[in-house]
Amino acid sequence: MNELVWETAEELDKKLAERIRRIRKRRSISQQELAVMSGVSYGSIKRFEGSGQISLLSLTKIAMALELTDEFRDLFAQVPYRSIEEVIHEG
């Protein structure tokens, strides 16, 4: 049985931003260095880590710069079917 998740889209975004921030810090990369590595502006990285707000393209660039491409590419790759109707409609 699926459990209910009581969080907003904004809360999910902030959790993702926190994970990226932890990875960046663990690798001893400053926000400015990540901006140079990724081609994403320093302001966008700072805003992302503070609020979770970022464009999908910028998030992709950050994932690539942090060598998280495989994890990012696999997002939603193994989503289980919820019903037999989904199986039927996929084909």
C-alpha atoms as a PDB file:
ATOM      1  CA  MET A   1       0.000   0.000   0.000  1.00  0.00           C
ATOM      2  CA  ASN A   2       1.284   3.456  -0.868  1.00  0.00           C
ATOM      3  CA  GLU A   3       1.769   5.769   2.041  1.00  0.00           C
ATOM      4  CA  LEU A   4       0.643   9.348   1.836  1.00  0.00           C
ATOM      5  CA  VAL A   5       3.363  11.966   1.557  1.00  0.00           C
ATOM      6  CA  TRP A   6       2.445  15.227   3.196  1.00  0.00           C
ATOM      7  CA  GLU A   7       4.847  17.669   1.650  1.00  0.00           C
ATOM      8  CA  THR A   8       4.511  20.416  -0.877  1.00  0.00           C
ATOM      9  CA  ALA A   9       6.359  20.808  -4.155  1.00  0.00           C
ATOM     10  CA  GLU A  10       8.337  23.598  -2.530  1.00  0.00           C
ATOM     11  CA  GLU A  11       9.399  21.316   0.324  1.00  0.00           C
ATOM     12  CA  LEU A  12      10.553  18.669  -2.142  1.00  0.00           C
ATOM     13  CA  ASP A  13      12.518  21.298  -4.071  1.00  0.00           C
ATOM     14  CA  LYS A  14      14.213  22.464  -0.879  1.00  0.00           C
ATOM     15  CA  LYS A  15      15.158  18.882   0.039  1.00  0.00           C
ATOM     16  CA  LEU A  16      16.713  18.364  -3.382  1.00  0.00           C
ATOM     17  CA  ALA A  17      18.615  21.643  -3.059  1.00  0.00           C
ATOM     18  CA  GLU A  18      19.877  20.558   0.362  1.00  0.00           C
ATOM     19  CA  ARG A  19      21.137  17.263  -1.073  1.00  0.00           C
ATOM     20  CA  ILE A  20      23.006  19.099  -3.825  1.00  0.00           C
ATOM     21  CA  ARG A  21      24.449  21.548  -1.287  1.00  0.00           C
ATOM     22  CA  ARG A  22      25.698  18.673   0.892  1.00  0.00           C
ATOM     23  CA  ILE A  23      27.349  16.988  -2.100  1.00  0.00           C
ATOM     24  CA  ARG A  24      28.968  20.283  -3.131  1.00  0.00           C
ATOM     25  CA  LYS A  25      30.305  20.894   0.377  1.00  0.00           C
ATOM     26  CA  ARG A  26      31.460  17.292   0.811  1.00  0.00           C
ATOM     27  CA  ARG A  27      33.565  17.778  -2.307  1.00  0.00           C
ATOM     28  CA  SER A  28      34.881  21.126  -1.012  1.00  0.00           C
ATOM     29  CA  ILE A  29      33.426  23.090  -3.927  1.00  0.00           C
ATOM     30  CA  SER A  30      32.275  26.652  -3.316  1.00  0.00           C
ATOM     31  CA  GLN A  31      29.132  28.049  -4.878  1.00  0.00           C
ATOM     32  CA  GLN A  32      31.331  30.270  -7.058  1.00  0.00           C
ATOM     33  CA  GLU A  33      33.400  27.287  -8.209  1.00  0.00           C
ATOM     34  CA  LEU A  34      30.240  25.332  -9.004  1.00  0.00           C
ATOM     35  CA  ALA A  35      29.005  28.281 -11.045  1.00  0.00           C
ATOM     36  CA  VAL A  36      32.163  28.205 -13.149  1.00  0.00           C
ATOM     37  CA  MET A  37      32.123  24.398 -13.449  1.00  0.00           C
ATOM     38  CA  SER A  38      28.471  24.241 -14.483  1.00  0.00           C
ATOM     39  CA  GLY A  39      27.955  27.438 -16.435  1.00  0.00           C
ATOM     40  CA  VAL A  40      25.079  28.319 -14.104  1.00  0.00           C
ATOM     41  CA  SER A  41      25.249  31.787 -12.593  1.00  0.00           C
ATOM     42  CA  TYR A  42      26.392  32.184  -9.008  1.00  0.00           C
ATOM     43  CA  GLY A  43      23.097  33.929  -8.234  1.00  0.00           C
ATOM     44  CA  SER A  44      21.092  30.977  -9.540  1.00  0.00           C
ATOM     45  CA  ILE A  45      23.091  28.519  -7.449  1.00  0.00           C
ATOM     46  CA  LYS A  46      22.747  30.675  -4.355  1.00  0.00           C
ATOM     47  CA  ARG A  47      18.977  31.017  -4.930  1.00  0.00           C
ATOM     48  CA  PHE A  48      18.631  27.275  -5.565  1.00  0.00           C
ATOM     49  CA  GLU A  49      20.398  26.305  -2.368  1.00  0.00           C
ATOM     50  CA  GLY A  50      18.342  28.823  -0.406  1.00  0.00           C
ATOM     51  CA  SER A  51      14.892  28.316  -1.863  1.00  0.00           C
ATOM     52  CA  GLY A  52      14.995  25.239  -4.090  1.00  0.00           C
ATOM     53  CA  GLN A  53      14.066  27.324  -7.136  1.00  0.00           C
ATOM     54  CA  ILE A  54      15.977  26.595 -10.345  1.00  0.00           C
ATOM     55  CA  SER A  55      15.291  25.832 -13.976  1.00  0.00           C
ATOM     56  CA  LEU A  56      15.476  22.237 -15.134  1.00  0.00           C
ATOM     57  CA  LEU A  57      18.292  23.129 -17.552  1.00  0.00           C
ATOM     58  CA  SER A  58      20.353  24.696 -14.752  1.00  0.00           C
ATOM     59  CA  LEU A  59      19.722  21.707 -12.491  1.00  0.00           C
ATOM     60  CA  THR A  60      20.900  19.402 -15.267  1.00  0.00           C
ATOM     61  CA  LYS A  61      24.077  21.458 -15.703  1.00  0.00           C
ATOM     62  CA  ILE A  62      24.754  21.315 -11.956  1.00  0.00           C
ATOM     63  CA  ALA A  63      24.223  17.539 -11.908  1.00  0.00           C
ATOM     64  CA  MET A  64      26.652  17.160 -14.792  1.00  0.00           C
ATOM     65  CA  ALA A  65      29.258  19.385 -13.126  1.00  0.00           C
ATOM     66  CA  LEU A  66      28.999  17.327  -9.923  1.00  0.00           C
ATOM     67  CA  GLU A  67      29.236  14.093 -11.932  1.00  0.00           C
ATOM     68  CA  LEU A  68      25.715  13.055 -10.933  1.00  0.00           C
ATOM     69  CA  THR A  69      24.620  12.467 -14.521  1.00  0.00           C
ATOM     70  CA  ASP A  70      23.778   8.781 -14.053  1.00  0.00           C
ATOM     71  CA  GLU A  71      21.620   9.492 -11.016  1.00  0.00           C
ATOM     72  CA  PHE A  72      19.882  12.343 -12.823  1.00  0.00           C
ATOM     73  CA  ARG A  73      19.355  10.278 -15.977  1.00  0.00           C
ATOM     74  CA  ASP A  74      17.802   7.458 -13.931  1.00  0.00           C
ATOM     75  CA  LEU A  75      15.232   9.751 -12.314  1.00  0.00           C
ATOM     76  CA  PHE A  76      11.802   8.176 -12.922  1.00  0.00           C
ATOM     77  CA  ALA A  77      13.378   5.302 -14.880  1.00  0.00           C
ATOM     78  CA  GLN A  78      12.119   2.561 -12.551  1.00  0.00           C
ATOM     79  CA  VAL A  79       8.619   3.769 -11.760  1.00  0.00           C
ATOM     80  CA  PRO A  80       6.372   0.796 -10.952  1.00  0.00           C
ATOM     81  CA  TYR A  81       2.984   0.419 -12.572  1.00  0.00           C
ATOM     82  CA  ARG A  82       0.065   1.438 -10.379  1.00  0.00           C
ATOM     83  CA  SER A  83      -2.528  -0.640 -12.204  1.00  0.00           C
ATOM     84  CA  ILE A  84      -3.042  -3.083 -15.040  1.00  0.00           C
ATOM     85  CA  GLU A  85      -4.560  -0.195 -17.001  1.00  0.00           C
ATOM     86  CA  GLU A  86      -1.194   1.560 -16.997  1.00  0.00           C
ATOM     87  CA  VAL A  87       0.437  -1.565 -18.420  1.00  0.00           C
ATOM     88  CA  ILE A  88      -2.184  -1.789 -21.161  1.00  0.00           C
ATOM     89  CA  HIS A  89      -1.995   1.900 -22.066  1.00  0.00           C
ATOM     90  CA  GLU A  90       1.790   2.008 -22.186  1.00  0.00           C
ATOM     91  CA  GLY A  91       1.904  -0.163 -25.295  1.00  0.00           C
END
